[in-house]
């Protein structure tokens, strides 16, 4: 039984790490998108759509991490 609990805890730790890493990646993408909109690399209308998708994804990841 102890091995099963330990395996589950290890899986949770690895999964939490992966989700946290994914959230950090999304935060970087969010910053890059703001920079791209500001310097005119991307059309602001398209950029805002991407930001909405990034924000939604960040919300889902945060919810999953903090279960």
C-alpha atoms as a PDB file:
ATOM      1  CA  UNK A   1       0.000   0.000   0.000  1.00  0.00           C
ATOM      2  CA  UNK A   2       2.800   2.444   0.823  1.00  0.00           C
ATOM      3  CA  UNK A   3       4.283   1.968  -2.627  1.00  0.00           C
ATOM      4  CA  UNK A   4       0.948   2.865  -4.219  1.00  0.00           C
ATOM      5  CA  UNK A   5       0.671   6.050  -2.167  1.00  0.00           C
ATOM      6  CA  UNK A   6       4.266   6.975  -2.942  1.00  0.00           C
ATOM      7  CA  UNK A   7       3.732   6.395  -6.673  1.00  0.00           C
ATOM      8  CA  UNK A   8       0.584   8.517  -6.651  1.00  0.00           C
ATOM      9  CA  UNK A   9       2.385  11.326  -4.789  1.00  0.00           C
ATOM     10  CA  UNK A  10       5.306  11.182  -7.240  1.00  0.00           C
ATOM     11  CA  UNK A  11       2.865  11.295 -10.161  1.00  0.00           C
ATOM     12  CA  UNK A  12       1.105  14.307  -8.616  1.00  0.00           C
ATOM     13  CA  UNK A  13       4.423  16.097  -8.135  1.00  0.00           C
ATOM     14  CA  UNK A  14       5.527  15.445 -11.719  1.00  0.00           C
ATOM     15  CA  UNK A  15       2.122  16.403 -13.093  1.00  0.00           C
ATOM     16  CA  UNK A  16       2.039  19.589 -10.995  1.00  0.00           C
ATOM     17  CA  UNK A  17       5.540  20.474 -12.217  1.00  0.00           C
ATOM     18  CA  UNK A  18       4.483  19.983 -15.833  1.00  0.00           C
ATOM     19  CA  UNK A  19       1.348  22.086 -15.394  1.00  0.00           C
ATOM     20  CA  UNK A  20       3.313  24.827 -13.636  1.00  0.00           C
ATOM     21  CA  UNK A  21       5.889  24.810 -16.428  1.00  0.00           C
ATOM     22  CA  UNK A  22       3.094  25.065 -19.000  1.00  0.00           C
ATOM     23  CA  UNK A  23       1.583  28.004 -17.094  1.00  0.00           C
ATOM     24  CA  UNK A  24       4.962  29.760 -17.064  1.00  0.00           C
ATOM     25  CA  UNK A  25       5.233  29.234 -20.825  1.00  0.00           C
ATOM     26  CA  UNK A  26       1.798  30.776 -21.302  1.00  0.00           C
ATOM     27  CA  UNK A  27       2.797  33.755 -19.134  1.00  0.00           C
ATOM     28  CA  UNK A  28       5.809  34.321 -21.394  1.00  0.00           C
ATOM     29  CA  UNK A  29       3.593  34.059 -24.481  1.00  0.00           C
ATOM     30  CA  UNK A  30       1.276  36.627 -22.905  1.00  0.00           C
ATOM     31  CA  UNK A  31       4.178  39.057 -22.462  1.00  0.00           C
ATOM     32  CA  UNK A  32       5.446  38.447 -26.007  1.00  0.00           C
ATOM     33  CA  UNK A  33       1.993  39.068 -27.442  1.00  0.00           C
ATOM     34  CA  UNK A  34       1.733  42.405 -25.611  1.00  0.00           C
ATOM     35  CA  UNK A  35       5.143  43.376 -26.998  1.00  0.00           C
ATOM     36  CA  UNK A  36       4.161  42.307 -30.523  1.00  0.00           C
ATOM     37  CA  UNK A  37       0.966  44.380 -30.350  1.00  0.00           C
ATOM     38  CA  UNK A  38       2.857  47.370 -28.970  1.00  0.00           C
ATOM     39  CA  UNK A  39       5.582  47.323 -31.639  1.00  0.00           C
ATOM     40  CA  UNK A  40       3.184  46.563 -34.502  1.00  0.00           C
ATOM     41  CA  UNK A  41       4.441  43.056 -35.261  1.00  0.00           C
ATOM     42  CA  UNK A  42       0.868  41.761 -35.089  1.00  0.00           C
ATOM     43  CA  UNK A  43      -2.445  43.393 -35.844  1.00  0.00           C
ATOM     44  CA  UNK A  44      -3.988  44.559 -32.539  1.00  0.00           C
ATOM     45  CA  UNK A  45      -7.338  42.898 -33.269  1.00  0.00           C
ATOM     46  CA  UNK A  46      -5.689  39.521 -33.885  1.00  0.00           C
ATOM     47  CA  UNK A  47      -3.369  40.066 -30.916  1.00  0.00           C
ATOM     48  CA  UNK A  48      -6.317  40.671 -28.594  1.00  0.00           C
ATOM     49  CA  UNK A  49      -7.930  37.431 -29.771  1.00  0.00           C
ATOM     50  CA  UNK A  50      -4.691  35.576 -29.035  1.00  0.00           C
ATOM     51  CA  UNK A  51      -4.478  37.244 -25.615  1.00  0.00           C
ATOM     52  CA  UNK A  52      -8.011  36.097 -24.785  1.00  0.00           C
ATOM     53  CA  UNK A  53      -7.081  32.507 -25.701  1.00  0.00           C
ATOM     54  CA  UNK A  54      -3.842  32.724 -23.710  1.00  0.00           C
ATOM     55  CA  UNK A  55      -5.695  34.175 -20.696  1.00  0.00           C
ATOM     56  CA  UNK A  56      -8.301  31.422 -20.836  1.00  0.00           C
ATOM     57  CA  UNK A  57      -5.614  28.743 -21.057  1.00  0.00           C
ATOM     58  CA  UNK A  58      -3.723  30.292 -18.145  1.00  0.00           C
ATOM     59  CA  UNK A  59      -6.939  30.242 -16.107  1.00  0.00           C
ATOM     60  CA  UNK A  60      -7.523  26.542 -16.862  1.00  0.00           C
ATOM     61  CA  UNK A  61      -3.939  25.645 -15.977  1.00  0.00           C
ATOM     62  CA  UNK A  62      -4.107  27.613 -12.742  1.00  0.00           C
ATOM     63  CA  UNK A  63      -7.369  25.906 -11.781  1.00  0.00           C
ATOM     64  CA  UNK A  64      -5.816  22.485 -12.428  1.00  0.00           C
ATOM     65  CA  UNK A  65      -2.658  23.290 -10.455  1.00  0.00           C
ATOM     66  CA  UNK A  66      -4.599  24.553  -7.446  1.00  0.00           C
ATOM     67  CA  UNK A  67      -7.120  21.692  -7.174  1.00  0.00           C
END
